Amino acid sequence: MAADAISATAEGINEMKDGLPQLTRIRVHYSLRLPPGTPRDKVDRALAGHVAKCPTARSLQGAVEVEWSVDLLEA
């Protein structure tokens, strides 16, 4: 996969708790440009396990909800 084939944007959501802002949710949106012929089943499996295998999501587990979405484009 080419270096420019993946991009991501992230948004942190803060909520007031006990009078202080607290990070409660992170939304990540990926754009993936796949080479022609990429097996879609492998891509779908990788995406399905994303949060479970993401070091940041695992570190925040139980404290911050991680949501993600993806746009898949064939190049």
PDB file of N, CA and C in Angstrom:
ATOM      1  N   MET A   1       0.840  -1.159   0.000  1.00  0.00           N
ATOM      2  CA  MET A   1       0.000   0.000   0.000  1.00  0.00           C
ATOM      3  C   MET A   1       0.894   1.234   0.000  1.00  0.00           C
ATOM      4  N   ALA A   2       0.581   2.185  -0.847  1.00  0.00           N
ATOM      5  CA  ALA A   2       1.366   3.415  -0.939  1.00  0.00           C
ATOM      6  C   ALA A   2       1.235   4.228   0.344  1.00  0.00           C
ATOM      7  N   ALA A   3       2.272   4.998   0.643  1.00  0.00           N
ATOM      8  CA  ALA A   3       2.291   5.795   1.870  1.00  0.00           C
ATOM      9  C   ALA A   3       1.125   6.779   1.937  1.00  0.00           C
ATOM     10  N   ASP A   4       0.681   7.277   0.798  1.00  0.00           N
ATOM     11  CA  ASP A   4      -0.421   8.246   0.801  1.00  0.00           C
ATOM     12  C   ASP A   4      -1.784   7.580   0.620  1.00  0.00           C
ATOM     13  N   ALA A   5      -1.857   6.268   0.740  1.00  0.00           N
ATOM     14  CA  ALA A   5      -3.104   5.536   0.529  1.00  0.00           C
ATOM     15  C   ALA A   5      -4.007   5.539   1.751  1.00  0.00           C
ATOM     16  N   ILE A   6      -3.515   6.041   2.861  1.00  0.00           N
ATOM     17  CA  ILE A   6      -4.325   6.087   4.076  1.00  0.00           C
ATOM     18  C   ILE A   6      -4.223   7.472   4.706  1.00  0.00           C
ATOM     19  N   SER A   7      -5.366   7.976   5.112  1.00  0.00           N
ATOM     20  CA  SER A   7      -5.378   9.223   5.873  1.00  0.00           C
ATOM     21  C   SER A   7      -6.436   9.095   6.954  1.00  0.00           C
ATOM     22  N   ALA A   8      -6.295   9.900   7.978  1.00  0.00           N
ATOM     23  CA  ALA A   8      -7.237   9.834   9.088  1.00  0.00           C
ATOM     24  C   ALA A   8      -7.452  11.222   9.661  1.00  0.00           C
ATOM     25  N   THR A   9      -8.655  11.442  10.132  1.00  0.00           N
ATOM     26  CA  THR A   9      -8.956  12.635  10.906  1.00  0.00           C
ATOM     27  C   THR A   9      -9.509  12.151  12.241  1.00  0.00           C
ATOM     28  N   ALA A  10      -9.229  12.890  13.286  1.00  0.00           N
ATOM     29  CA  ALA A  10      -9.687  12.500  14.616  1.00  0.00           C
ATOM     30  C   ALA A  10     -10.300  13.707  15.314  1.00  0.00           C
ATOM     31  N   GLU A  11     -11.312  13.414  16.115  1.00  0.00           N
ATOM     32  CA  GLU A  11     -12.004  14.452  16.867  1.00  0.00           C
ATOM     33  C   GLU A  11     -12.175  13.950  18.295  1.00  0.00           C
ATOM     34  N   GLY A  12     -11.783  14.756  19.249  1.00  0.00           N
ATOM     35  CA  GLY A  12     -11.977  14.425  20.653  1.00  0.00           C
ATOM     36  C   GLY A  12     -13.205  15.144  21.184  1.00  0.00           C
ATOM     37  N   ILE A  13     -14.036  14.435  21.932  1.00  0.00           N
ATOM     38  CA  ILE A  13     -15.251  14.998  22.512  1.00  0.00           C
ATOM     39  C   ILE A  13     -15.058  15.102  24.025  1.00  0.00           C
ATOM     40  N   ASN A  14     -15.186  16.304  24.540  1.00  0.00           N
ATOM     41  CA  ASN A  14     -15.089  16.535  25.979  1.00  0.00           C
ATOM     42  C   ASN A  14     -16.481  16.773  26.541  1.00  0.00           C
ATOM     43  N   GLU A  15     -16.720  16.279  27.749  1.00  0.00           N
ATOM     44  CA  GLU A  15     -17.956  16.527  28.477  1.00  0.00           C
ATOM     45  C   GLU A  15     -17.584  17.046  29.866  1.00  0.00           C
ATOM     46  N   MET A  16     -18.433  17.874  30.397  1.00  0.00           N
ATOM     47  CA  MET A  16     -18.193  18.400  31.737  1.00  0.00           C
ATOM     48  C   MET A  16     -18.569  17.335  32.766  1.00  0.00           C
ATOM     49  N   LYS A  17     -17.637  17.027  33.648  1.00  0.00           N
ATOM     50  CA  LYS A  17     -17.864  16.082  34.743  1.00  0.00           C
ATOM     51  C   LYS A  17     -17.264  16.693  35.998  1.00  0.00           C
ATOM     52  N   ASP A  18     -18.080  16.827  37.001  1.00  0.00           N
ATOM     53  CA  ASP A  18     -17.643  17.442  38.261  1.00  0.00           C
ATOM     54  C   ASP A  18     -17.021  18.812  38.027  1.00  0.00           C
ATOM     55  N   GLY A  19     -17.589  19.568  37.086  1.00  0.00           N
ATOM     56  CA  GLY A  19     -17.129  20.928  36.818  1.00  0.00           C
ATOM     57  C   GLY A  19     -15.864  21.022  35.986  1.00  0.00           C
ATOM     58  N   LEU A  20     -15.373  19.891  35.480  1.00  0.00           N
ATOM     59  CA  LEU A  20     -14.145  19.889  34.683  1.00  0.00           C
ATOM     60  C   LEU A  20     -14.399  19.206  33.343  1.00  0.00           C
ATOM     61  N   PRO A  21     -13.766  19.707  32.277  1.00  0.00           N
ATOM     62  CA  PRO A  21     -13.906  19.022  30.992  1.00  0.00           C
ATOM     63  C   PRO A  21     -13.146  17.700  31.031  1.00  0.00           C
ATOM     64  N   GLN A  22     -13.787  16.657  30.533  1.00  0.00           N
ATOM     65  CA  GLN A  22     -13.155  15.332  30.512  1.00  0.00           C
ATOM     66  C   GLN A  22     -13.345  14.721  29.134  1.00  0.00           C
ATOM     67  N   LEU A  23     -12.269  14.187  28.575  1.00  0.00           N
ATOM     68  CA  LEU A  23     -12.340  13.497  27.299  1.00  0.00           C
ATOM     69  C   LEU A  23     -13.154  12.224  27.481  1.00  0.00           C
ATOM     70  N   THR A  24     -14.272  12.116  26.727  1.00  0.00           N
ATOM     71  CA  THR A  24     -15.134  10.951  26.881  1.00  0.00           C
ATOM     72  C   THR A  24     -15.258  10.131  25.607  1.00  0.00           C
ATOM     73  N   ARG A  25     -14.925  10.739  24.466  1.00  0.00           N
ATOM     74  CA  ARG A  25     -15.112  10.017  23.204  1.00  0.00           C
ATOM     75  C   ARG A  25     -14.109  10.541  22.174  1.00  0.00           C
ATOM     76  N   ILE A  26     -13.633   9.627  21.352  1.00  0.00           N
ATOM     77  CA  ILE A  26     -12.783   9.980  20.219  1.00  0.00           C
ATOM     78  C   ILE A  26     -13.420   9.386  18.979  1.00  0.00           C
ATOM     79  N   ARG A  27     -13.575  10.218  17.960  1.00  0.00           N
ATOM     80  CA  ARG A  27     -14.090   9.753  16.669  1.00  0.00           C
ATOM     81  C   ARG A  27     -12.952   9.825  15.662  1.00  0.00           C
ATOM     82  N   VAL A  28     -12.712   8.718  14.992  1.00  0.00           N
ATOM     83  CA  VAL A  28     -11.661   8.655  13.972  1.00  0.00           C
ATOM     84  C   VAL A  28     -12.316   8.281  12.648  1.00  0.00           C
ATOM     85  N   HIS A  29     -11.960   9.001  11.595  1.00  0.00           N
ATOM     86  CA  HIS A  29     -12.467   8.673  10.263  1.00  0.00           C
ATOM     87  C   HIS A  29     -11.265   8.431   9.354  1.00  0.00           C
ATOM     88  N   TYR A  30     -11.244   7.250   8.738  1.00  0.00           N
ATOM     89  CA  TYR A  30     -10.168   6.863   7.835  1.00  0.00           C
ATOM     90  C   TYR A  30     -10.628   6.954   6.389  1.00  0.00           C
ATOM     91  N   SER A  31      -9.710   7.284   5.524  1.00  0.00           N
ATOM     92  CA  SER A  31      -9.885   7.157   4.077  1.00  0.00           C
ATOM     93  C   SER A  31      -8.793   6.211   3.602  1.00  0.00           C
ATOM     94  N   LEU A  32      -9.203   5.106   2.987  1.00  0.00           N
ATOM     95  CA  LEU A  32      -8.254   4.110   2.495  1.00  0.00           C
ATOM     96  C   LEU A  32      -8.403   3.978   0.984  1.00  0.00           C
ATOM     97  N   ARG A  33      -7.295   4.101   0.288  1.00  0.00           N
ATOM     98  CA  ARG A  33      -7.277   3.887  -1.156  1.00  0.00           C
ATOM     99  C   ARG A  33      -6.631   2.535  -1.392  1.00  0.00           C
ATOM    100  N   LEU A  34      -7.434   1.583  -1.851  1.00  0.00           N
ATOM    101  CA  LEU A  34      -6.967   0.208  -2.029  1.00  0.00           C
ATOM    102  C   LEU A  34      -6.504  -0.027  -3.462  1.00  0.00           C
ATOM    103  N   PRO A  35      -5.430  -0.772  -3.637  1.00  0.00           N
ATOM    104  CA  PRO A  35      -5.006  -1.141  -4.985  1.00  0.00           C
ATOM    105  C   PRO A  35      -6.071  -2.042  -5.626  1.00  0.00           C
ATOM    106  N   PRO A  36      -6.221  -1.956  -6.934  1.00  0.00           N
ATOM    107  CA  PRO A  36      -7.184  -2.840  -7.606  1.00  0.00           C
ATOM    108  C   PRO A  36      -6.900  -4.302  -7.270  1.00  0.00           C
ATOM    109  N   GLY A  37      -7.958  -5.064  -7.057  1.00  0.00           N
ATOM    110  CA  GLY A  37      -7.804  -6.487  -6.771  1.00  0.00           C
ATOM    111  C   GLY A  37      -7.557  -6.820  -5.316  1.00  0.00           C
ATOM    112  N   THR A  38      -7.533  -5.815  -4.439  1.00  0.00           N
ATOM    113  CA  THR A  38      -7.332  -6.087  -3.024  1.00  0.00           C
ATOM    114  C   THR A  38      -8.496  -6.939  -2.516  1.00  0.00           C
ATOM    115  N   PRO A  39      -8.212  -8.063  -1.863  1.00  0.00           N
ATOM    116  CA  PRO A  39      -9.299  -8.921  -1.362  1.00  0.00           C
ATOM    117  C   PRO A  39     -10.120  -8.193  -0.291  1.00  0.00           C
ATOM    118  N   ARG A  40     -11.361  -7.908  -0.600  1.00  0.00           N
ATOM    119  CA  ARG A  40     -12.217  -7.135   0.302  1.00  0.00           C
ATOM    120  C   ARG A  40     -12.446  -7.858   1.625  1.00  0.00           C
ATOM    121  N   ASP A  41     -12.492  -9.200   1.612  1.00  0.00           N
ATOM    122  CA  ASP A  41     -12.720  -9.923   2.859  1.00  0.00           C
ATOM    123  C   ASP A  41     -11.584  -9.692   3.856  1.00  0.00           C
ATOM    124  N   LYS A  42     -10.353  -9.591   3.367  1.00  0.00           N
ATOM    125  CA  LYS A  42      -9.215  -9.327   4.257  1.00  0.00           C
ATOM    126  C   LYS A  42      -9.284  -7.918   4.828  1.00  0.00           C
ATOM    127  N   VAL A  43      -9.690  -6.965   4.000  1.00  0.00           N
ATOM    128  CA  VAL A  43      -9.837  -5.577   4.460  1.00  0.00           C
ATOM    129  C   VAL A  43     -10.925  -5.516   5.528  1.00  0.00           C
ATOM    130  N   ASP A  44     -12.050  -6.151   5.279  1.00  0.00           N
ATOM    131  CA  ASP A  44     -13.155  -6.147   6.237  1.00  0.00           C
ATOM    132  C   ASP A  44     -12.750  -6.779   7.566  1.00  0.00           C
ATOM    133  N   ARG A  45     -11.993  -7.881   7.524  1.00  0.00           N
ATOM    134  CA  ARG A  45     -11.519  -8.521   8.763  1.00  0.00           C
ATOM    135  C   ARG A  45     -10.588  -7.594   9.534  1.00  0.00           C
ATOM    136  N   ALA A  46      -9.686  -6.937   8.825  1.00  0.00           N
ATOM    137  CA  ALA A  46      -8.759  -6.019   9.488  1.00  0.00           C
ATOM    138  C   ALA A  46      -9.516  -4.867  10.145  1.00  0.00           C
ATOM    139  N   LEU A  47     -10.497  -4.331   9.452  1.00  0.00           N
ATOM    140  CA  LEU A  47     -11.269  -3.223  10.011  1.00  0.00           C
ATOM    141  C   LEU A  47     -12.109  -3.664  11.206  1.00  0.00           C
ATOM    142  N   ALA A  48     -12.659  -4.869  11.152  1.00  0.00           N
ATOM    143  CA  ALA A  48     -13.490  -5.373  12.244  1.00  0.00           C
ATOM    144  C   ALA A  48     -12.701  -5.487  13.547  1.00  0.00           C
ATOM    145  N   GLY A  49     -11.420  -5.772  13.458  1.00  0.00           N
ATOM    146  CA  GLY A  49     -10.580  -5.911  14.648  1.00  0.00           C
ATOM    147  C   GLY A  49      -9.835  -4.651  15.016  1.00  0.00           C
ATOM    148  N   HIS A  50     -10.164  -3.561  14.364  1.00  0.00           N
ATOM    149  CA  HIS A  50      -9.419  -2.314  14.534  1.00  0.00           C
ATOM    150  C   HIS A  50      -9.284  -1.880  15.988  1.00  0.00           C
ATOM    151  N   VAL A  51     -10.391  -1.677  16.673  1.00  0.00           N
ATOM    152  CA  VAL A  51     -10.329  -1.151  18.039  1.00  0.00           C
ATOM    153  C   VAL A  51      -9.627  -2.126  18.980  1.00  0.00           C
ATOM    154  N   ALA A  52      -9.853  -3.416  18.814  1.00  0.00           N
ATOM    155  CA  ALA A  52      -9.232  -4.412  19.686  1.00  0.00           C
ATOM    156  C   ALA A  52      -7.716  -4.454  19.530  1.00  0.00           C
ATOM    157  N   LYS A  53      -7.211  -4.054  18.357  1.00  0.00           N
ATOM    158  CA  LYS A  53      -5.769  -4.137  18.103  1.00  0.00           C
ATOM    159  C   LYS A  53      -5.081  -2.775  18.107  1.00  0.00           C
ATOM    160  N   CYS A  54      -5.841  -1.711  18.292  1.00  0.00           N
ATOM    161  CA  CYS A  54      -5.264  -0.367  18.295  1.00  0.00           C
ATOM    162  C   CYS A  54      -4.694  -0.073  19.686  1.00  0.00           C
ATOM    163  N   PRO A  55      -3.389   0.209  19.784  1.00  0.00           N
ATOM    164  CA  PRO A  55      -2.783   0.460  21.097  1.00  0.00           C
ATOM    165  C   PRO A  55      -3.423   1.632  21.844  1.00  0.00           C
ATOM    166  N   THR A  56      -3.783   2.676  21.134  1.00  0.00           N
ATOM    167  CA  THR A  56      -4.393   3.834  21.795  1.00  0.00           C
ATOM    168  C   THR A  56      -5.775   3.480  22.317  1.00  0.00           C
ATOM    169  N   ALA A  57      -6.589   2.833  21.490  1.00  0.00           N
ATOM    170  CA  ALA A  57      -7.933   2.438  21.921  1.00  0.00           C
ATOM    171  C   ALA A  57      -7.870   1.505  23.119  1.00  0.00           C
ATOM    172  N   ARG A  58      -6.924   0.602  23.109  1.00  0.00           N
ATOM    173  CA  ARG A  58      -6.793  -0.334  24.242  1.00  0.00           C
ATOM    174  C   ARG A  58      -6.357   0.387  25.502  1.00  0.00           C
ATOM    175  N   SER A  59      -5.495   1.372  25.364  1.00  0.00           N
ATOM    176  CA  SER A  59      -5.042   2.136  26.534  1.00  0.00           C
ATOM    177  C   SER A  59      -6.181   2.940  27.156  1.00  0.00           C
ATOM    178  N   LEU A  60      -7.099   3.394  26.312  1.00  0.00           N
ATOM    179  CA  LEU A  60      -8.211   4.225  26.784  1.00  0.00           C
ATOM    180  C   LEU A  60      -9.450   3.420  27.158  1.00  0.00           C
ATOM    181  N   GLN A  61      -9.413   2.108  26.922  1.00  0.00           N
ATOM    182  CA  GLN A  61     -10.571   1.243  27.127  1.00  0.00           C
ATOM    183  C   GLN A  61     -11.150   1.420  28.532  1.00  0.00           C
ATOM    184  N   GLY A  62     -12.451   1.596  28.594  1.00  0.00           N
ATOM    185  CA  GLY A  62     -13.137   1.768  29.865  1.00  0.00           C
ATOM    186  C   GLY A  62     -13.225   3.211  30.316  1.00  0.00           C
ATOM    187  N   ALA A  63     -12.409   4.086  29.743  1.00  0.00           N
ATOM    188  CA  ALA A  63     -12.428   5.492  30.135  1.00  0.00           C
ATOM    189  C   ALA A  63     -12.907   6.398  29.004  1.00  0.00           C
ATOM    190  N   VAL A  64     -12.544   6.057  27.782  1.00  0.00           N
ATOM    191  CA  VAL A  64     -12.882   6.881  26.615  1.00  0.00           C
ATOM    192  C   VAL A  64     -13.421   5.961  25.530  1.00  0.00           C
ATOM    193  N   GLU A  65     -14.597   6.307  25.007  1.00  0.00           N
ATOM    194  CA  GLU A  65     -15.195   5.524  23.922  1.00  0.00           C
ATOM    195  C   GLU A  65     -14.501   5.894  22.612  1.00  0.00           C
ATOM    196  N   VAL A  66     -14.135   4.903  21.834  1.00  0.00           N
ATOM    197  CA  VAL A  66     -13.500   5.135  20.542  1.00  0.00           C
ATOM    198  C   VAL A  66     -14.465   4.688  19.450  1.00  0.00           C
ATOM    199  N   GLU A  67     -14.827   5.634  18.574  1.00  0.00           N
ATOM    200  CA  GLU A  67     -15.684   5.353  17.432  1.00  0.00           C
ATOM    201  C   GLU A  67     -14.859   5.543  16.169  1.00  0.00           C
ATOM    202  N   TRP A  68     -15.159   4.775  15.141  1.00  0.00           N
ATOM    203  CA  TRP A  68     -14.431   4.969  13.891  1.00  0.00           C
ATOM    204  C   TRP A  68     -15.343   4.686  12.712  1.00  0.00           C
ATOM    205  N   SER A  69     -14.950   5.280  11.598  1.00  0.00           N
ATOM    206  CA  SER A  69     -15.636   5.042  10.319  1.00  0.00           C
ATOM    207  C   SER A  69     -14.581   5.039   9.237  1.00  0.00           C
ATOM    208  N   VAL A  70     -14.972   4.564   8.052  1.00  0.00           N
ATOM    209  CA  VAL A  70     -13.987   4.451   6.976  1.00  0.00           C
ATOM    210  C   VAL A  70     -14.663   4.644   5.625  1.00  0.00           C
ATOM    211  N   ASP A  71     -13.958   5.306   4.736  1.00  0.00           N
ATOM    212  CA  ASP A  71     -14.315   5.369   3.322  1.00  0.00           C
ATOM    213  C   ASP A  71     -13.285   4.528   2.568  1.00  0.00           C
ATOM    214  N   LEU A  72     -13.741   3.539   1.815  1.00  0.00           N
ATOM    215  CA  LEU A  72     -12.849   2.696   1.024  1.00  0.00           C
ATOM    216  C   LEU A  72     -12.980   3.077  -0.438  1.00  0.00           C
ATOM    217  N   LEU A  73     -11.854   3.353  -1.058  1.00  0.00           N
ATOM    218  CA  LEU A  73     -11.811   3.703  -2.465  1.00  0.00           C
ATOM    219  C   LEU A  73     -10.848   2.786  -3.180  1.00  0.00           C
ATOM    220  N   GLU A  74     -11.226   2.287  -4.350  1.00  0.00           N
ATOM    221  CA  GLU A  74     -10.275   1.512  -5.144  1.00  0.00           C
ATOM    222  C   GLU A  74      -9.542   2.448  -6.060  1.00  0.00           C
ATOM    223  N   ALA A  75      -8.211   2.374  -6.024  1.00  0.00           N
ATOM    224  CA  ALA A  75      -7.369   3.284  -6.819  1.00  0.00           C
ATOM    225  C   ALA A  75      -7.197   2.750  -8.228  1.00  0.00           C
TER     226      ALA A  75
END
